[in-house]
């Protein structure tokens, strides 16, 4: 199993990490919590019948800040 398959949000988290102005322990904790929340929300969407790729994309849209937020 590849890392990407085991951690589907890893690319998103790495991209976000570059813009975080936090000390390392806080940054690591925040990214771990966000990953857990992304996995939980994605799983909820899948349980409601949404396709896996769409569920993951919707979780990212809902929880990850973008340039406008």
Protein backbone atom coordinates (compact mmCIF):
# COMPACT_ATOMS: atom_id res chain seq x y z
CA UNK A 1 0.00 0.00 0.00
CA UNK A 2 1.40 3.38 -0.93
CA UNK A 3 1.58 6.33 1.42
CA UNK A 4 -0.87 8.25 -0.76
CA UNK A 5 -3.41 5.42 -0.53
CA UNK A 6 -2.97 5.18 3.24
CA UNK A 7 -3.10 8.96 3.70
CA UNK A 8 -5.25 10.41 0.91
CA UNK A 9 -5.06 13.98 2.23
CA UNK A 10 -1.26 14.07 2.54
CA UNK A 11 -0.74 16.28 -0.52
CA UNK A 12 -3.29 18.80 0.74
CA UNK A 13 -1.71 18.86 4.18
CA UNK A 14 1.81 19.32 2.79
CA UNK A 15 0.63 22.20 0.64
CA UNK A 16 -1.09 23.84 3.59
CA UNK A 17 1.92 23.33 5.85
CA UNK A 18 4.04 25.63 3.67
CA UNK A 19 1.83 28.59 4.57
CA UNK A 20 1.53 27.96 8.31
CA UNK A 21 3.44 30.39 10.48
CA UNK A 22 3.38 28.23 13.61
CA UNK A 23 6.14 26.64 15.68
CA UNK A 24 6.75 23.02 14.74
CA UNK A 25 4.89 21.31 17.63
CA UNK A 26 1.74 23.38 17.10
CA UNK A 27 1.93 23.04 13.32
CA UNK A 28 2.24 19.25 13.58
CA UNK A 29 -0.66 19.02 16.04
CA UNK A 30 -2.88 21.24 13.88
CA UNK A 31 -2.14 19.23 10.72
CA UNK A 32 -2.82 15.92 12.49
CA UNK A 33 -6.13 17.20 13.80
CA UNK A 34 -7.06 18.49 10.35
CA UNK A 35 -6.17 15.14 8.77
CA UNK A 36 -8.36 13.32 11.29
CA UNK A 37 -11.23 15.73 10.62
CA UNK A 38 -10.84 15.35 6.84
CA UNK A 39 -10.91 11.55 7.14
CA UNK A 40 -13.95 11.64 9.43
CA UNK A 41 -15.93 14.01 7.21
CA UNK A 42 -14.96 12.11 4.05
CA UNK A 43 -16.09 8.87 5.68
CA UNK A 44 -19.38 10.47 6.69
CA UNK A 45 -20.01 11.56 3.12
CA UNK A 46 -19.20 8.06 1.82
CA UNK A 47 -21.56 6.52 4.39
CA UNK A 48 -24.27 8.81 3.03
CA UNK A 49 -23.71 7.34 -0.44
CA UNK A 50 -21.28 9.80 -2.02
CA UNK A 51 -18.50 8.38 -4.26
CA UNK A 52 -15.12 8.28 -2.48
CA UNK A 53 -13.32 10.83 -4.68
CA UNK A 54 -16.19 13.30 -4.41
CA UNK A 55 -16.42 12.76 -0.65
CA UNK A 56 -12.73 13.54 -0.21
CA UNK A 57 -12.95 16.62 -2.41
CA UNK A 58 -15.99 17.91 -0.50
CA UNK A 59 -14.23 17.35 2.82
CA UNK A 60 -11.27 19.41 1.61
CA UNK A 61 -13.59 22.15 0.34
CA UNK A 62 -15.35 22.25 3.70
CA UNK A 63 -12.36 22.18 6.03
CA UNK A 64 -9.24 23.50 4.28
CA UNK A 65 -8.86 27.26 3.97
CA UNK A 66 -8.15 28.61 0.52
CA UNK A 67 -6.71 31.92 -0.68
CA UNK A 68 -10.07 33.63 -0.14
CA UNK A 69 -10.58 32.46 3.46
